[in-house]
N, C-alpha and C. Protein backbone atom coordinates (compact mmCIF):
# COMPACT_ATOMS: atom_id res chain seq x y z
N MET A 1 61.71 44.84 -106.90
CA MET A 1 61.40 45.37 -107.08
C MET A 1 62.22 45.76 -108.82
N SER A 2 61.67 46.65 -109.97
CA SER A 2 62.13 46.79 -111.06
C SER A 2 63.76 46.90 -111.08
N PRO A 3 64.43 46.01 -111.86
CA PRO A 3 66.13 46.43 -112.79
C PRO A 3 66.44 48.07 -112.71
N GLY A 4 65.14 49.19 -113.03
CA GLY A 4 66.03 50.13 -113.85
C GLY A 4 65.79 51.15 -112.28
N VAL A 5 65.20 50.54 -111.97
CA VAL A 5 64.79 51.23 -110.30
C VAL A 5 66.16 50.71 -109.60
N GLU A 6 66.58 49.21 -109.03
CA GLU A 6 67.51 49.38 -108.60
C GLU A 6 69.15 49.55 -109.36
N LEU A 7 69.07 49.88 -110.72
CA LEU A 7 69.82 50.53 -110.99
C LEU A 7 70.20 52.17 -111.20
N ASN A 8 69.32 52.86 -110.81
CA ASN A 8 69.54 53.98 -110.47
C ASN A 8 68.90 54.39 -108.96
N LEU A 9 68.67 53.29 -107.97
CA LEU A 9 68.32 53.81 -106.76
C LEU A 9 69.06 55.19 -105.78
N ALA A 10 69.99 55.03 -106.28
CA ALA A 10 71.33 55.75 -105.35
C ALA A 10 71.41 57.70 -106.62
N LEU A 11 70.46 57.16 -107.74
CA LEU A 11 69.98 58.93 -107.71
C LEU A 11 68.66 59.14 -107.31
N LEU A 12 68.14 58.00 -106.53
CA LEU A 12 66.69 58.43 -106.46
C LEU A 12 66.19 58.79 -105.54
N LEU A 13 67.35 58.86 -104.81
CA LEU A 13 68.27 59.13 -102.58
C LEU A 13 68.43 59.94 -102.68
N PHE A 14 69.32 59.88 -103.59
CA PHE A 14 70.50 61.20 -103.48
C PHE A 14 70.05 62.51 -103.92
N LEU A 15 68.84 62.31 -105.08
CA LEU A 15 68.35 63.88 -105.84
C LEU A 15 67.32 65.02 -104.92
N PRO A 16 66.82 64.56 -103.74
CA PRO A 16 66.88 65.78 -103.55
C PRO A 16 67.85 66.60 -102.37
N TRP A 17 69.75 66.05 -102.29
CA TRP A 17 70.73 66.21 -101.96
C TRP A 17 71.12 66.82 -103.04
N PHE A 18 71.31 66.37 -104.73
CA PHE A 18 71.53 67.39 -105.47
C PHE A 18 70.82 68.47 -105.56
N LEU A 19 69.94 68.84 -105.46
CA LEU A 19 68.89 69.93 -105.65
C LEU A 19 69.35 69.94 -104.68
N ILE A 20 69.57 70.70 -103.26
CA ILE A 20 70.32 71.41 -102.61
C ILE A 20 71.58 71.79 -102.95
N LEU A 21 72.35 70.66 -103.23
CA LEU A 21 73.68 71.55 -103.74
C LEU A 21 73.62 72.15 -105.15
N GLY A 22 72.87 71.92 -105.53
CA GLY A 22 72.83 72.42 -107.31
C GLY A 22 72.47 73.65 -107.47
N ALA A 23 71.58 74.04 -106.22
CA ALA A 23 70.56 75.88 -106.09
C ALA A 23 71.90 76.80 -105.64
N LEU A 24 72.30 75.73 -104.47
CA LEU A 24 73.84 76.37 -103.31
C LEU A 24 75.30 76.62 -104.68
N PHE A 25 75.39 75.87 -105.34
CA PHE A 25 75.77 76.02 -107.03
C PHE A 25 76.19 77.11 -107.23
N TRP A 26 74.70 77.49 -108.01
CA TRP A 26 74.29 78.10 -109.15
C TRP A 26 73.82 79.30 -107.98
N ALA A 27 73.93 79.95 -107.17
CA ALA A 27 73.31 81.14 -106.31
C ALA A 27 73.96 81.55 -106.42
N TYR A 28 75.95 80.59 -105.89
CA TYR A 28 76.60 81.16 -105.03
C TYR A 28 77.98 81.08 -105.92
N PRO A 29 79.04 82.70 -106.37
CA PRO A 29 78.53 84.04 -105.55
C PRO A 29 77.36 84.70 -106.81
N ARG A 30 76.90 85.49 -106.31
CA ARG A 30 75.73 86.24 -106.58
C ARG A 30 76.36 86.94 -107.28
N ARG A 31 76.79 87.52 -108.10
CA ARG A 31 77.53 87.79 -109.42
C ARG A 31 79.56 88.08 -109.74
N PRO A 32 79.69 87.55 -110.68
CA PRO A 32 78.91 88.13 -112.01
C PRO A 32 78.13 87.15 -111.89
N ARG A 33 76.66 87.70 -112.95
CA ARG A 33 75.81 86.85 -113.97
C ARG A 33 75.68 87.27 -114.84
N GLY A 34 76.52 86.91 -115.70
CA GLY A 34 75.85 87.24 -117.34
C GLY A 34 75.41 85.40 -117.96
N PRO A 35 75.25 85.68 -119.56
CA PRO A 35 75.23 84.71 -120.32
C PRO A 35 76.51 83.70 -119.99
N ALA A 36 77.89 83.58 -119.46
CA ALA A 36 78.56 82.81 -120.02
C ALA A 36 78.50 81.99 -118.17
N ARG A 37 77.87 82.52 -117.38
CA ARG A 37 78.53 82.26 -116.45
C ARG A 37 76.90 80.81 -116.14
N VAL A 38 75.41 80.91 -116.93
CA VAL A 38 74.41 80.30 -116.95
C VAL A 38 75.11 79.42 -117.46
N LEU A 39 75.45 79.88 -118.51
CA LEU A 39 75.87 78.64 -119.35
C LEU A 39 77.35 77.26 -119.19
N TYR A 40 78.48 78.20 -118.45
CA TYR A 40 78.81 77.54 -117.13
C TYR A 40 78.11 76.93 -116.28
N ASP A 41 76.93 76.78 -115.38
CA ASP A 41 76.95 76.61 -114.80
C ASP A 41 76.01 74.95 -114.86
N LEU A 42 74.77 75.61 -115.91
CA LEU A 42 74.35 74.51 -115.99
C LEU A 42 75.35 73.41 -117.20
N ALA A 43 76.44 73.97 -117.28
CA ALA A 43 77.36 72.74 -118.26
C ALA A 43 77.95 71.88 -116.72
N SER A 44 78.07 72.91 -115.32
CA SER A 44 78.79 71.91 -114.46
C SER A 44 78.17 71.07 -113.80
N LEU A 45 76.39 71.76 -113.95
CA LEU A 45 75.65 70.51 -113.16
C LEU A 45 75.21 69.47 -114.00
N ALA A 46 75.71 69.49 -115.17
CA ALA A 46 75.40 68.34 -116.15
C ALA A 46 76.09 66.92 -116.62
N LEU A 47 77.00 68.11 -116.32
CA LEU A 47 78.02 67.26 -116.08
C LEU A 47 78.87 66.49 -114.94
N SER A 48 78.12 67.22 -113.41
CA SER A 48 78.20 66.30 -112.46
C SER A 48 77.32 65.39 -112.36
N VAL A 49 76.61 65.59 -112.78
CA VAL A 49 75.02 64.41 -112.26
C VAL A 49 74.67 63.50 -113.24
N GLY A 50 75.72 63.43 -115.09
CA GLY A 50 76.46 62.47 -115.24
C GLY A 50 77.30 61.72 -115.11
N ALA A 51 78.16 61.59 -114.86
CA ALA A 51 79.30 61.81 -114.11
C ALA A 51 79.11 60.86 -112.88
N PHE A 52 77.96 61.12 -112.54
CA PHE A 52 77.26 60.89 -111.19
C PHE A 52 76.87 59.52 -111.69
N VAL A 53 76.06 59.36 -112.52
CA VAL A 53 75.16 58.44 -113.31
C VAL A 53 76.26 57.30 -113.88
N ALA A 54 77.34 58.09 -114.40
CA ALA A 54 78.07 56.85 -114.80
C ALA A 54 79.27 55.69 -113.78
N SER A 55 79.14 57.26 -112.56
CA SER A 55 79.94 55.77 -112.00
C SER A 55 78.87 55.09 -110.64
N ILE A 56 77.62 55.35 -110.99
CA ILE A 56 77.34 54.21 -110.10
C ILE A 56 77.18 52.86 -111.04
N HIS A 57 76.52 52.83 -111.66
CA HIS A 57 76.68 51.96 -112.98
C HIS A 57 77.77 51.03 -113.15
N TRP A 58 78.87 52.43 -112.89
CA TRP A 58 80.86 51.48 -113.15
C TRP A 58 80.62 49.91 -111.96
N ALA A 59 79.91 51.49 -110.53
CA ALA A 59 79.88 50.37 -109.06
C ALA A 59 79.45 49.39 -109.21
N GLN A 60 78.78 49.07 -110.02
CA GLN A 60 77.33 48.26 -109.85
C GLN A 60 77.68 47.20 -110.46
N ALA A 61 78.31 47.09 -111.45
CA ALA A 61 78.80 46.29 -112.23
C ALA A 61 80.05 45.77 -111.80
N ASN A 62 80.94 46.50 -111.06
CA ASN A 62 82.30 45.70 -110.43
C ASN A 62 82.10 45.58 -109.20
N ALA A 63 81.09 45.63 -108.25
CA ALA A 63 81.21 45.40 -106.74
C ALA A 63 81.30 44.09 -107.05
N ASP A 64 81.71 43.80 -105.96
CA ASP A 64 82.15 41.82 -105.61
C ASP A 64 80.90 41.33 -105.20
N PRO A 65 80.80 40.32 -106.29
CA PRO A 65 79.47 40.02 -105.33
C PRO A 65 79.45 39.20 -104.26
N VAL A 66 80.23 38.75 -103.73
CA VAL A 66 80.61 37.55 -102.74
C VAL A 66 80.50 38.05 -101.84
N HIS A 67 80.14 39.47 -101.77
CA HIS A 67 79.52 40.35 -99.82
C HIS A 67 78.28 40.73 -100.53
N GLY A 68 77.69 39.81 -101.18
CA GLY A 68 76.17 39.84 -100.74
C GLY A 68 75.30 41.61 -102.29
N HIS A 69 74.26 41.57 -102.40
CA HIS A 69 73.59 42.41 -102.96
C HIS A 69 73.62 43.09 -102.65
N MET A 70 73.48 43.60 -101.28
CA MET A 70 73.50 44.73 -101.07
C MET A 70 74.91 45.73 -101.43
N TRP A 71 75.77 44.84 -101.48
CA TRP A 71 77.20 45.89 -101.53
C TRP A 71 77.07 46.51 -102.83
N GLN A 72 76.55 45.78 -103.58
CA GLN A 72 76.81 46.86 -105.05
C GLN A 72 76.33 48.39 -104.84
N GLN A 73 74.89 48.35 -103.99
CA GLN A 73 74.13 49.77 -103.63
C GLN A 73 75.44 50.04 -103.19
N ILE A 74 75.74 49.86 -102.02
CA ILE A 74 76.74 50.56 -100.89
C ILE A 74 78.06 51.66 -101.76
N LEU A 75 77.80 50.50 -102.53
CA LEU A 75 80.29 50.76 -103.31
C LEU A 75 79.03 51.94 -104.55
N ALA A 76 77.96 51.90 -104.65
CA ALA A 76 77.50 53.10 -106.23
C ALA A 76 77.52 53.84 -105.47
N THR A 77 76.60 53.87 -104.50
CA THR A 77 76.65 55.20 -103.15
C THR A 77 77.67 55.93 -103.11
N ALA A 78 78.42 55.28 -102.59
CA ALA A 78 79.85 55.44 -101.48
C ALA A 78 80.59 56.86 -103.07
N VAL A 79 80.62 55.92 -104.34
CA VAL A 79 81.23 56.70 -105.36
C VAL A 79 80.90 56.85 -106.31
N GLY A 80 79.21 57.11 -106.48
CA GLY A 80 79.02 57.89 -107.22
C GLY A 80 78.56 59.56 -106.22
N TYR A 81 78.34 59.00 -105.78
CA TYR A 81 78.63 61.20 -103.66
C TYR A 81 80.15 61.38 -104.05
N GLY A 82 81.03 60.33 -104.46
CA GLY A 82 82.77 61.71 -104.13
C GLY A 82 82.64 62.06 -105.42
N VAL A 83 82.26 61.55 -106.86
CA VAL A 83 82.39 61.87 -107.68
C VAL A 83 81.42 62.98 -108.03
N PHE A 84 80.54 63.31 -108.25
CA PHE A 84 79.09 64.34 -107.78
C PHE A 84 79.86 65.71 -106.97
N LEU A 85 79.95 65.12 -106.04
CA LEU A 85 81.36 66.45 -105.25
C LEU A 85 82.31 66.81 -105.80
N GLY A 86 82.92 65.80 -106.25
CA GLY A 86 84.68 66.09 -106.59
C GLY A 86 84.19 66.26 -108.31
N VAL A 87 83.20 66.88 -108.61
CA VAL A 87 83.02 67.22 -110.09
C VAL A 87 83.00 68.38 -110.20
N LEU A 88 81.66 68.44 -109.02
CA LEU A 88 81.21 69.91 -108.83
C LEU A 88 82.16 70.87 -108.34
N GLY A 89 82.94 70.75 -106.99
CA GLY A 89 83.96 70.82 -106.26
C GLY A 89 85.05 71.90 -107.30
N ALA A 90 85.19 71.15 -108.43
CA ALA A 90 86.31 71.06 -109.23
C ALA A 90 85.53 72.52 -110.15
N ALA A 91 84.84 72.57 -110.54
CA ALA A 91 83.65 73.17 -110.80
C ALA A 91 83.70 74.72 -110.11
N PHE A 92 83.07 74.68 -109.16
CA PHE A 92 83.50 75.84 -109.01
C PHE A 92 84.70 76.68 -108.53
N VAL A 93 86.11 75.79 -108.35
CA VAL A 93 87.12 76.19 -108.18
C VAL A 93 87.14 76.69 -109.27
N LEU A 94 87.47 76.11 -110.42
CA LEU A 94 87.70 76.81 -112.35
C LEU A 94 86.72 78.00 -112.15
N ARG A 95 85.22 78.31 -111.92
CA ARG A 95 84.77 78.88 -112.37
C ARG A 95 85.23 80.30 -112.07
N ILE A 96 86.41 80.34 -111.26
CA ILE A 96 87.00 81.57 -110.62
C ILE A 96 87.84 82.02 -111.90
N TYR A 97 88.28 80.82 -112.50
CA TYR A 97 90.00 81.20 -113.83
C TYR A 97 89.31 81.77 -115.13
N VAL A 98 88.18 80.86 -114.74
CA VAL A 98 87.20 80.66 -115.95
C VAL A 98 86.78 81.63 -117.08
N LEU A 99 85.70 82.15 -115.71
CA LEU A 99 85.10 83.67 -116.01
C LEU A 99 85.27 84.87 -115.37
N ARG A 100 86.34 84.51 -115.20
CA ARG A 100 87.32 86.60 -114.56
C ARG A 100 87.08 87.46 -115.14
N PRO A 101 87.27 87.95 -115.55
CA PRO A 101 87.31 89.63 -116.45
C PRO A 101 88.23 89.87 -117.19
N ARG A 102 88.60 89.23 -118.51
CA ARG A 102 90.34 89.38 -119.79
C ARG A 102 90.04 90.95 -119.44
N GLY A 103 91.22 91.47 -118.85
CA GLY A 103 91.52 92.64 -119.56
C GLY A 103 92.26 93.49 -118.37
């Protein structure tokens, strides 16, 4: 396996699931949907994927090689998935407060 694919294997495997979660994040709640909401959602999804990629690279670099090469992938997948859900979940909750109508 090439090193580039091996380093990003967790992203390749989780990409379909992330697309589903991202579509649900984008679609709900349906209203209000203005330019601020679109920008916020795009930034949140980009931040979630960026945090995921950073965390899988960190986890692979810091996994204990004593437990075998596969442990790097297992740890990276577990840590990355938790980080992605954490960032997306926080963005979902914060969206209520950030985008609420002023007045």
